[in-house]
């Protein structure tokens, strides 16, 4: 399933992953193993444009990891980041902000300010602030500050060619432009 996904054959990948999930459930494999398959399945739904289905699964995966390992575990933080990112993709910024405000301090404490997951969580939060139609002037200021801080850390720790560093540049420009327009 992952091989098909990596080569862009998403429909075939979906078929294989759904079968794998059904078999693993029938065999009673570990909850962690099922969560991994569900996470991969959600990514495939996203690639197919089936965002609501992806969101539902990402929420299940996040809840599953929290039940299994607690909210401070790496897998829980990664799943929370993926879930919040999906909320942003669906323009459900209010829900994303609530989620991200909850997990941001946990990620900072557990992973540190410079970890890729912490930086992703912070940039997703800035995106939710900036892209929300109801964004206030203070929201835009906070978004710009958050993007700038994440950009600085990402350049220093990961380098200018890292995908996360590159991914921060456009939303940072957009946030600055939105703030300037106000």
Foldseek 3Di string as FASTA:
>chain_A
DVVCVVVVVLVVVLVVLVVVLVVCVVVVDDLVVNLVSLLVNLVSCVSVVVLVSSLVSLVVSLVSCCVVPNCLDPSNLQSLLVNLLSCVVVLVLVVSLVSLVVNLVSCCVRVNCLDPSNLSSLLSNLSSQQVRPPRDLVSLVSSLVSLVVSLVSCCVPVNCPDPVNVVSVVVNVVSVVVNVVD
